[in-house]
PDB file of N, CA and C in Angstrom:
ATOM      1  N   MET A   1       0.850  -1.182   0.000  1.00  0.00           N
ATOM      2  CA  MET A   1       0.000   0.000   0.000  1.00  0.00           C
ATOM      3  C   MET A   1       0.890   1.237   0.000  1.00  0.00           C
ATOM      4  N   THR A   2       0.641   2.120  -0.927  1.00  0.00           N
ATOM      5  CA  THR A   2       1.370   3.379  -0.981  1.00  0.00           C
ATOM      6  C   THR A   2       0.807   4.320   0.066  1.00  0.00           C
ATOM      7  N   LYS A   3       1.697   4.984   0.769  1.00  0.00           N
ATOM      8  CA  LYS A   3       1.308   5.949   1.803  1.00  0.00           C
ATOM      9  C   LYS A   3       1.739   7.344   1.366  1.00  0.00           C
ATOM     10  N   PHE A   4       0.993   8.345   1.831  1.00  0.00           N
ATOM     11  CA  PHE A   4       1.291   9.735   1.515  1.00  0.00           C
ATOM     12  C   PHE A   4       1.173  10.596   2.755  1.00  0.00           C
ATOM     13  N   LEU A   5       2.038  11.618   2.828  1.00  0.00           N
ATOM     14  CA  LEU A   5       1.832  12.699   3.782  1.00  0.00           C
ATOM     15  C   LEU A   5       1.015  13.749   3.069  1.00  0.00           C
ATOM     16  N   ASN A   6       0.019  14.296   3.721  1.00  0.00           N
ATOM     17  CA  ASN A   6      -0.742  15.411   3.172  1.00  0.00           C
ATOM     18  C   ASN A   6      -0.298  16.659   3.929  1.00  0.00           C
ATOM     19  N   LEU A   7       0.614  17.422   3.312  1.00  0.00           N
ATOM     20  CA  LEU A   7       1.093  18.648   3.938  1.00  0.00           C
ATOM     21  C   LEU A   7       0.002  19.693   3.835  1.00  0.00           C
ATOM     22  N   LYS A   8      -0.431  20.195   4.969  1.00  0.00           N
ATOM     23  CA  LYS A   8      -1.547  21.133   5.015  1.00  0.00           C
ATOM     24  C   LYS A   8      -1.053  22.494   5.492  1.00  0.00           C
ATOM     25  N   GLY A   9      -1.677  23.535   4.988  1.00  0.00           N
ATOM     26  CA  GLY A   9      -1.325  24.886   5.401  1.00  0.00           C
ATOM     27  C   GLY A   9      -2.153  25.900   4.640  1.00  0.00           C
ATOM     28  N   THR A  10      -1.729  27.129   4.696  1.00  0.00           N
ATOM     29  CA  THR A  10      -2.419  28.216   4.011  1.00  0.00           C
ATOM     30  C   THR A  10      -1.922  28.309   2.573  1.00  0.00           C
ATOM     31  N   ALA A  11      -2.839  28.422   1.639  1.00  0.00           N
ATOM     32  CA  ALA A  11      -2.461  28.537   0.235  1.00  0.00           C
ATOM     33  C   ALA A  11      -1.697  29.833  -0.014  1.00  0.00           C
ATOM     34  N   VAL A  12      -0.604  29.707  -0.764  1.00  0.00           N
ATOM     35  CA  VAL A  12       0.188  30.844  -1.219  1.00  0.00           C
ATOM     36  C   VAL A  12       0.507  30.608  -2.688  1.00  0.00           C
ATOM     37  N   THR A  13       1.257  31.496  -3.308  1.00  0.00           N
ATOM     38  CA  THR A  13       1.508  31.417  -4.747  1.00  0.00           C
ATOM     39  C   THR A  13       1.995  30.046  -5.208  1.00  0.00           C
ATOM     40  N   ALA A  14       2.972  29.463  -4.522  1.00  0.00           N
ATOM     41  CA  ALA A  14       3.555  28.200  -4.970  1.00  0.00           C
ATOM     42  C   ALA A  14       3.123  27.004  -4.121  1.00  0.00           C
ATOM     43  N   PHE A  15       2.051  27.160  -3.355  1.00  0.00           N
ATOM     44  CA  PHE A  15       1.561  26.068  -2.497  1.00  0.00           C
ATOM     45  C   PHE A  15       0.044  26.174  -2.406  1.00  0.00           C
ATOM     46  N   SER A  16      -0.644  25.096  -2.785  1.00  0.00           N
ATOM     47  CA  SER A  16      -2.110  25.126  -2.872  1.00  0.00           C
ATOM     48  C   SER A  16      -2.819  25.071  -1.530  1.00  0.00           C
ATOM     49  N   GLY A  17      -2.065  24.758  -0.469  1.00  0.00           N
ATOM     50  CA  GLY A  17      -2.687  24.589   0.846  1.00  0.00           C
ATOM     51  C   GLY A  17      -2.779  23.139   1.253  1.00  0.00           C
ATOM     52  N   ASN A  18      -2.710  22.235   0.288  1.00  0.00           N
ATOM     53  CA  ASN A  18      -2.650  20.778   0.526  1.00  0.00           C
ATOM     54  C   ASN A  18      -1.736  20.190  -0.536  1.00  0.00           C
ATOM     55  N   GLN A  19      -0.808  19.346  -0.123  1.00  0.00           N
ATOM     56  CA  GLN A  19       0.093  18.707  -1.081  1.00  0.00           C
ATOM     57  C   GLN A  19       0.402  17.295  -0.610  1.00  0.00           C
ATOM     58  N   LEU A  20       0.106  16.318  -1.465  1.00  0.00           N
ATOM     59  CA  LEU A  20       0.462  14.940  -1.148  1.00  0.00           C
ATOM     60  C   LEU A  20       1.926  14.701  -1.477  1.00  0.00           C
ATOM     61  N   VAL A  21       2.625  14.064  -0.552  1.00  0.00           N
ATOM     62  CA  VAL A  21       4.033  13.711  -0.726  1.00  0.00           C
ATOM     63  C   VAL A  21       4.157  12.226  -0.427  1.00  0.00           C
ATOM     64  N   ALA A  22       4.718  11.483  -1.369  1.00  0.00           N
ATOM     65  CA  ALA A  22       4.850  10.033  -1.200  1.00  0.00           C
ATOM     66  C   ALA A  22       5.786   9.690  -0.049  1.00  0.00           C
ATOM     67  N   VAL A  23       5.399   8.682   0.711  1.00  0.00           N
ATOM     68  CA  VAL A  23       6.223   8.176   1.807  1.00  0.00           C
ATOM     69  C   VAL A  23       7.056   6.987   1.320  1.00  0.00           C
ATOM     70  N   ASN A  24       6.479   6.169   0.456  1.00  0.00           N
ATOM     71  CA  ASN A  24       7.177   4.972  -0.012  1.00  0.00           C
ATOM     72  C   ASN A  24       8.411   5.351  -0.817  1.00  0.00           C
ATOM     73  N   GLY A  25       9.498   4.663  -0.575  1.00  0.00           N
ATOM     74  CA  GLY A  25      10.718   4.873  -1.341  1.00  0.00           C
ATOM     75  C   GLY A  25      11.610   5.991  -0.829  1.00  0.00           C
ATOM     76  N   ILE A  26      11.306   6.560   0.337  1.00  0.00           N
ATOM     77  CA  ILE A  26      12.151   7.624   0.878  1.00  0.00           C
ATOM     78  C   ILE A  26      13.489   7.031   1.303  1.00  0.00           C
ATOM     79  N   LYS A  27      14.563   7.689   0.858  1.00  0.00           N
ATOM     80  CA  LYS A  27      15.913   7.292   1.245  1.00  0.00           C
ATOM     81  C   LYS A  27      16.391   8.126   2.425  1.00  0.00           C
ATOM     82  N   THR A  28      16.110   9.430   2.382  1.00  0.00           N
ATOM     83  CA  THR A  28      16.545  10.318   3.457  1.00  0.00           C
ATOM     84  C   THR A  28      15.708  11.588   3.465  1.00  0.00           C
ATOM     85  N   ILE A  29      15.631  12.209   4.641  1.00  0.00           N
ATOM     86  CA  ILE A  29      15.031  13.536   4.798  1.00  0.00           C
ATOM     87  C   ILE A  29      16.106  14.385   5.447  1.00  0.00           C
ATOM     88  N   MET A  30      16.457  15.500   4.798  1.00  0.00           N
ATOM     89  CA  MET A  30      17.566  16.290   5.322  1.00  0.00           C
ATOM     90  C   MET A  30      17.420  17.777   5.036  1.00  0.00           C
ATOM     91  N   ALA A  31      18.058  18.553   5.892  1.00  0.00           N
ATOM     92  CA  ALA A  31      18.234  19.988   5.684  1.00  0.00           C
ATOM     93  C   ALA A  31      19.725  20.246   5.826  1.00  0.00           C
ATOM     94  N   ALA A  32      20.268  21.147   5.012  1.00  0.00           N
ATOM     95  CA  ALA A  32      21.710  21.387   5.016  1.00  0.00           C
ATOM     96  C   ALA A  32      22.203  21.981   6.325  1.00  0.00           C
ATOM     97  N   THR A  33      21.367  22.821   6.956  1.00  0.00           N
ATOM     98  CA  THR A  33      21.739  23.436   8.230  1.00  0.00           C
ATOM     99  C   THR A  33      20.524  23.454   9.144  1.00  0.00           C
ATOM    100  N   ALA A  34      20.759  23.748  10.413  1.00  0.00           N
ATOM    101  CA  ALA A  34      19.673  23.778  11.404  1.00  0.00           C
ATOM    102  C   ALA A  34      18.688  24.906  11.147  1.00  0.00           C
ATOM    103  N   THR A  35      19.078  25.884  10.317  1.00  0.00           N
ATOM    104  CA  THR A  35      18.205  27.031  10.047  1.00  0.00           C
ATOM    105  C   THR A  35      17.830  27.132   8.568  1.00  0.00           C
ATOM    106  N   ASN A  36      18.043  26.090   7.815  1.00  0.00           N
ATOM    107  CA  ASN A  36      17.779  26.102   6.382  1.00  0.00           C
ATOM    108  C   ASN A  36      16.290  26.282   6.096  1.00  0.00           C
ATOM    109  N   VAL A  37      15.962  26.853   4.934  1.00  0.00           N
ATOM    110  CA  VAL A  37      14.559  27.003   4.526  1.00  0.00           C
ATOM    111  C   VAL A  37      14.092  25.836   3.662  1.00  0.00           C
ATOM    112  N   ASP A  38      15.029  25.065   3.110  1.00  0.00           N
ATOM    113  CA  ASP A  38      14.689  23.915   2.271  1.00  0.00           C
ATOM    114  C   ASP A  38      14.920  22.619   3.030  1.00  0.00           C
ATOM    115  N   THR A  39      13.895  21.771   3.047  1.00  0.00           N
ATOM    116  CA  THR A  39      14.041  20.422   3.573  1.00  0.00           C
ATOM    117  C   THR A  39      13.859  19.481   2.392  1.00  0.00           C
ATOM    118  N   LEU A  40      14.834  18.614   2.184  1.00  0.00           N
ATOM    119  CA  LEU A  40      14.825  17.719   1.035  1.00  0.00           C
ATOM    120  C   LEU A  40      14.377  16.324   1.448  1.00  0.00           C
ATOM    121  N   ILE A  41      13.421  15.794   0.695  1.00  0.00           N
ATOM    122  CA  ILE A  41      13.000  14.404   0.849  1.00  0.00           C
ATOM    123  C   ILE A  41      13.527  13.689  -0.387  1.00  0.00           C
ATOM    124  N   GLU A  42      14.563  12.875  -0.196  1.00  0.00           N
ATOM    125  CA  GLU A  42      15.208  12.203  -1.314  1.00  0.00           C
ATOM    126  C   GLU A  42      14.719  10.761  -1.386  1.00  0.00           C
ATOM    127  N   TYR A  43      14.463  10.313  -2.633  1.00  0.00           N
ATOM    128  CA  TYR A  43      13.904   8.990  -2.867  1.00  0.00           C
ATOM    129  C   TYR A  43      14.933   8.056  -3.499  1.00  0.00           C
ATOM    130  N   ILE A  44      14.704   6.774  -3.327  1.00  0.00           N
ATOM    131  CA  ILE A  44      15.582   5.751  -3.878  1.00  0.00           C
ATOM    132  C   ILE A  44      15.698   5.874  -5.391  1.00  0.00           C
ATOM    133  N   ASP A  45      14.630   6.312  -6.067  1.00  0.00           N
ATOM    134  CA  ASP A  45      14.653   6.408  -7.533  1.00  0.00           C
ATOM    135  C   ASP A  45      15.402   7.641  -8.042  1.00  0.00           C
ATOM    136  N   GLY A  46      15.980   8.449  -7.139  1.00  0.00           N
ATOM    137  CA  GLY A  46      16.766   9.607  -7.549  1.00  0.00           C
ATOM    138  C   GLY A  46      16.000  10.918  -7.580  1.00  0.00           C
ATOM    139  N   THR A  47      14.689  10.878  -7.365  1.00  0.00           N
ATOM    140  CA  THR A  47      13.917  12.118  -7.333  1.00  0.00           C
ATOM    141  C   THR A  47      13.990  12.750  -5.946  1.00  0.00           C
ATOM    142  N   THR A  48      13.654  14.034  -5.901  1.00  0.00           N
ATOM    143  CA  THR A  48      13.692  14.782  -4.636  1.00  0.00           C
ATOM    144  C   THR A  48      12.466  15.667  -4.546  1.00  0.00           C
ATOM    145  N   THR A  49      11.872  15.708  -3.372  1.00  0.00           N
ATOM    146  CA  THR A  49      10.818  16.672  -3.068  1.00  0.00           C
ATOM    147  C   THR A  49      11.425  17.715  -2.146  1.00  0.00           C
ATOM    148  N   THR A  50      11.303  18.984  -2.539  1.00  0.00           N
ATOM    149  CA  THR A  50      11.829  20.079  -1.728  1.00  0.00           C
ATOM    150  C   THR A  50      10.669  20.801  -1.071  1.00  0.00           C
ATOM    151  N   VAL A  51      10.681  20.834   0.260  1.00  0.00           N
ATOM    152  CA  VAL A  51       9.672  21.550   1.032  1.00  0.00           C
ATOM    153  C   VAL A  51      10.322  22.836   1.532  1.00  0.00           C
ATOM    154  N   LYS A  52       9.829  23.964   1.037  1.00  0.00           N
ATOM    155  CA  LYS A  52      10.378  25.268   1.425  1.00  0.00           C
ATOM    156  C   LYS A  52       9.463  25.905   2.461  1.00  0.00           C
ATOM    157  N   THR A  53      10.076  26.350   3.569  1.00  0.00           N
ATOM    158  CA  THR A  53       9.348  26.984   4.672  1.00  0.00           C
ATOM    159  C   THR A  53      10.149  28.197   5.131  1.00  0.00           C
ATOM    160  N   ALA A  54       9.668  28.856   6.159  1.00  0.00           N
ATOM    161  CA  ALA A  54      10.493  29.854   6.837  1.00  0.00           C
ATOM    162  C   ALA A  54      11.694  29.119   7.439  1.00  0.00           C
ATOM    163  N   ALA A  55      12.694  29.867   7.853  1.00  0.00           N
ATOM    164  CA  ALA A  55      13.905  29.259   8.407  1.00  0.00           C
ATOM    165  C   ALA A  55      13.579  28.331   9.573  1.00  0.00           C
ATOM    166  N   GLN A  56      14.195  27.155   9.552  1.00  0.00           N
ATOM    167  CA  GLN A  56      13.998  26.185  10.624  1.00  0.00           C
ATOM    168  C   GLN A  56      14.704  26.649  11.902  1.00  0.00           C
ATOM    169  N   VAL A  57      14.275  26.108  12.996  1.00  0.00           N
ATOM    170  CA  VAL A  57      14.941  26.313  14.279  1.00  0.00           C
ATOM    171  C   VAL A  57      15.353  24.932  14.769  1.00  0.00           C
ATOM    172  N   GLY A  58      16.643  24.652  14.759  1.00  0.00           N
ATOM    173  CA  GLY A  58      17.122  23.364  15.238  1.00  0.00           C
ATOM    174  C   GLY A  58      16.580  22.183  14.450  1.00  0.00           C
ATOM    175  N   PHE A  59      16.503  22.324  13.130  1.00  0.00           N
ATOM    176  CA  PHE A  59      16.012  21.250  12.254  1.00  0.00           C
ATOM    177  C   PHE A  59      14.559  20.864  12.551  1.00  0.00           C
ATOM    178  N   ASP A  60      13.743  21.796  13.054  1.00  0.00           N
ATOM    179  CA  ASP A  60      12.386  21.429  13.477  1.00  0.00           C
ATOM    180  C   ASP A  60      11.502  20.872  12.360  1.00  0.00           C
ATOM    181  N   VAL A  61      11.607  21.412  11.144  1.00  0.00           N
ATOM    182  CA  VAL A  61      10.787  20.901  10.042  1.00  0.00           C
ATOM    183  C   VAL A  61      11.266  19.509   9.642  1.00  0.00           C
ATOM    184  N   GLN A  62      12.569  19.325   9.527  1.00  0.00           N
ATOM    185  CA  GLN A  62      13.118  18.016   9.188  1.00  0.00           C
ATOM    186  C   GLN A  62      12.680  16.965  10.199  1.00  0.00           C
ATOM    187  N   ILE A  63      12.805  17.261  11.456  1.00  0.00           N
ATOM    188  CA  ILE A  63      12.426  16.308  12.515  1.00  0.00           C
ATOM    189  C   ILE A  63      10.935  16.004  12.453  1.00  0.00           C
ATOM    190  N   GLN A  64      10.118  17.035  12.230  1.00  0.00           N
ATOM    191  CA  GLN A  64       8.677  16.802  12.162  1.00  0.00           C
ATOM    192  C   GLN A  64       8.310  15.924  10.970  1.00  0.00           C
ATOM    193  N   LEU A  65       8.959  16.145   9.819  1.00  0.00           N
ATOM    194  CA  LEU A  65       8.691  15.298   8.657  1.00  0.00           C
ATOM    195  C   LEU A  65       9.111  13.851   8.923  1.00  0.00           C
ATOM    196  N   GLN A  66      10.255  13.663   9.559  1.00  0.00           N
ATOM    197  CA  GLN A  66      10.697  12.305   9.889  1.00  0.00           C
ATOM    198  C   GLN A  66       9.700  11.622  10.829  1.00  0.00           C
ATOM    199  N   ASP A  67       9.245  12.353  11.832  1.00  0.00           N
ATOM    200  CA  ASP A  67       8.259  11.799  12.767  1.00  0.00           C
ATOM    201  C   ASP A  67       6.940  11.487  12.059  1.00  0.00           C
ATOM    202  N   ALA A  68       6.543  12.336  11.111  1.00  0.00           N
ATOM    203  CA  ALA A  68       5.293  12.122  10.375  1.00  0.00           C
ATOM    204  C   ALA A  68       5.384  10.886   9.489  1.00  0.00           C
ATOM    205  N   VAL A  69       6.535  10.656   8.867  1.00  0.00           N
ATOM    206  CA  VAL A  69       6.716   9.449   8.051  1.00  0.00           C
ATOM    207  C   VAL A  69       6.572   8.212   8.927  1.00  0.00           C
ATOM    208  N   LYS A  70       7.211   8.223  10.065  1.00  0.00           N
ATOM    209  CA  LYS A  70       7.107   7.090  10.997  1.00  0.00           C
ATOM    210  C   LYS A  70       5.650   6.851  11.397  1.00  0.00           C
ATOM    211  N   ALA A  71       4.957   7.915  11.759  1.00  0.00           N
ATOM    212  CA  ALA A  71       3.556   7.793  12.170  1.00  0.00           C
ATOM    213  C   ALA A  71       2.685   7.294  11.018  1.00  0.00           C
ATOM    214  N   ALA A  72       2.919   7.803   9.814  1.00  0.00           N
ATOM    215  CA  ALA A  72       2.130   7.379   8.651  1.00  0.00           C
ATOM    216  C   ALA A  72       2.311   5.889   8.389  1.00  0.00           C
ATOM    217  N   LEU A  73       3.542   5.414   8.499  1.00  0.00           N
ATOM    218  CA  LEU A  73       3.808   4.001   8.234  1.00  0.00           C
ATOM    219  C   LEU A  73       3.250   3.087   9.314  1.00  0.00           C
ATOM    220  N   GLU A  74       2.998   3.637  10.492  1.00  0.00           N
ATOM    221  CA  GLU A  74       2.425   2.852  11.580  1.00  0.00           C
ATOM    222  C   GLU A  74       0.902   2.757  11.505  1.00  0.00           C
ATOM    223  N   THR A  75       0.272   3.526  10.623  1.00  0.00           N
ATOM    224  CA  THR A  75      -1.187   3.476  10.506  1.00  0.00           C
ATOM    225  C   THR A  75      -1.606   2.274   9.666  1.00  0.00           C
ATOM    226  N   SER A  76      -2.865   1.935   9.765  1.00  0.00           N
ATOM    227  CA  SER A  76      -3.431   0.814   9.022  1.00  0.00           C
ATOM    228  C   SER A  76      -3.310   1.035   7.514  1.00  0.00           C
ATOM    229  N   TRP A  77      -3.254  -0.060   6.769  1.00  0.00           N
ATOM    230  CA  TRP A  77      -3.187   0.028   5.310  1.00  0.00           C
ATOM    231  C   TRP A  77      -4.431   0.692   4.728  1.00  0.00           C
ATOM    232  N   THR A  78      -5.511   0.761   5.510  1.00  0.00           N
ATOM    233  CA  THR A  78      -6.735   1.398   5.030  1.00  0.00           C
ATOM    234  C   THR A  78      -6.683   2.921   5.179  1.00  0.00           C
ATOM    235  N   ASN A  79      -5.586   3.440   5.716  1.00  0.00           N
ATOM    236  CA  ASN A  79      -5.386   4.888   5.868  1.00  0.00           C
ATOM    237  C   ASN A  79      -4.153   5.313   5.073  1.00  0.00           C
ATOM    238  N   PRO A  80      -4.286   5.479   3.764  1.00  0.00           N
ATOM    239  CA  PRO A  80      -3.107   5.778   2.941  1.00  0.00           C
ATOM    240  C   PRO A  80      -2.609   7.223   3.048  1.00  0.00           C
ATOM    241  N   VAL A  81      -3.414   8.118   3.604  1.00  0.00           N
ATOM    242  CA  VAL A  81      -3.025   9.533   3.696  1.00  0.00           C
ATOM    243  C   VAL A  81      -2.944   9.937   5.158  1.00  0.00           C
ATOM    244  N   TYR A  82      -1.828  10.580   5.516  1.00  0.00           N
ATOM    245  CA  TYR A  82      -1.595  11.041   6.885  1.00  0.00           C
ATOM    246  C   TYR A  82      -1.429  12.557   6.850  1.00  0.00           C
ATOM    247  N   ASP A  83      -2.334  13.294   7.498  1.00  0.00           N
ATOM    248  CA  ASP A  83      -2.305  14.757   7.491  1.00  0.00           C
ATOM    249  C   ASP A  83      -1.203  15.298   8.399  1.00  0.00           C
ATOM    250  N   VAL A  84      -0.500  16.316   7.900  1.00  0.00           N
ATOM    251  CA  VAL A  84       0.583  16.949   8.656  1.00  0.00           C
ATOM    252  C   VAL A  84       0.461  18.467   8.514  1.00  0.00           C
ATOM    253  N   VAL A  85       0.436  19.150   9.647  1.00  0.00           N
ATOM    254  CA  VAL A  85       0.530  20.617   9.666  1.00  0.00           C
ATOM    255  C   VAL A  85       1.906  20.922  10.229  1.00  0.00           C
ATOM    256  N   LEU A  86       2.795  21.404   9.369  1.00  0.00           N
ATOM    257  CA  LEU A  86       4.170  21.653   9.779  1.00  0.00           C
ATOM    258  C   LEU A  86       4.282  22.831  10.739  1.00  0.00           C
ATOM    259  N   VAL A  87       5.320  22.806  11.551  1.00  0.00           N
ATOM    260  CA  VAL A  87       5.569  23.905  12.498  1.00  0.00           C
ATOM    261  C   VAL A  87       5.868  25.211  11.776  1.00  0.00           C
ATOM    262  N   LYS A  88       6.367  25.121  10.558  1.00  0.00           N
ATOM    263  CA  LYS A  88       6.572  26.284   9.689  1.00  0.00           C
ATOM    264  C   LYS A  88       5.738  26.031   8.435  1.00  0.00           C
ATOM    265  N   ALA A  89       4.875  26.941   8.092  1.00  0.00           N
ATOM    266  CA  ALA A  89       3.993  26.744   6.942  1.00  0.00           C
ATOM    267  C   ALA A  89       4.788  26.638   5.647  1.00  0.00           C
ATOM    268  N   PRO A  90       4.469  25.650   4.804  1.00  0.00           N
ATOM    269  CA  PRO A  90       5.143  25.539   3.508  1.00  0.00           C
ATOM    270  C   PRO A  90       4.843  26.755   2.637  1.00  0.00           C
ATOM    271  N   VAL A  91       5.861  27.205   1.911  1.00  0.00           N
ATOM    272  CA  VAL A  91       5.636  28.251   0.902  1.00  0.00           C
ATOM    273  C   VAL A  91       5.736  27.650  -0.492  1.00  0.00           C
ATOM    274  N   SER A  92       6.366  26.474  -0.597  1.00  0.00           N
ATOM    275  CA  SER A  92       6.339  25.708  -1.835  1.00  0.00           C
ATOM    276  C   SER A  92       6.729  24.268  -1.560  1.00  0.00           C
ATOM    277  N   VAL A  93       6.202  23.383  -2.404  1.00  0.00           N
ATOM    278  CA  VAL A  93       6.553  21.959  -2.367  1.00  0.00           C
ATOM    279  C   VAL A  93       6.785  21.571  -3.816  1.00  0.00           C
ATOM    280  N   ILE A  94       8.032  21.213  -4.134  1.00  0.00           N
ATOM    281  CA  ILE A  94       8.395  20.937  -5.521  1.00  0.00           C
ATOM    282  C   ILE A  94       8.961  19.538  -5.623  1.00  0.00           C
ATOM    283  N   ASN A  95       8.399  18.749  -6.549  1.00  0.00           N
ATOM    284  CA  ASN A  95       8.898  17.393  -6.837  1.00  0.00           C
ATOM    285  C   ASN A  95       9.731  17.440  -8.105  1.00  0.00           C
ATOM    286  N   ALA A  96      10.927  16.919  -8.026  1.00  0.00           N
ATOM    287  CA  ALA A  96      11.797  16.902  -9.227  1.00  0.00           C
ATOM    288  C   ALA A  96      12.593  15.618  -9.270  1.00  0.00           C
TER     289      ALA A  96
END
């Protein structure tokens, strides 16, 4: 069963207010620094989802995404979508 995080927040120019992000196939979730604005979700297939927020405090967005992936995978197979409201509102979510 494929699982997704549903990143929720206020709609802005580059973010609709809801964005599904695949959980399956994640290799790593990382931010370059503790205050970075980009959190990268890198997949085994070589693609990356970039979640852009206000500056992190102590990797708070990265840690929250990691915790959300764990929680999503612990839910029943009948719950493929796990809602997440990040501590910093997304301003864009880009899959490449």
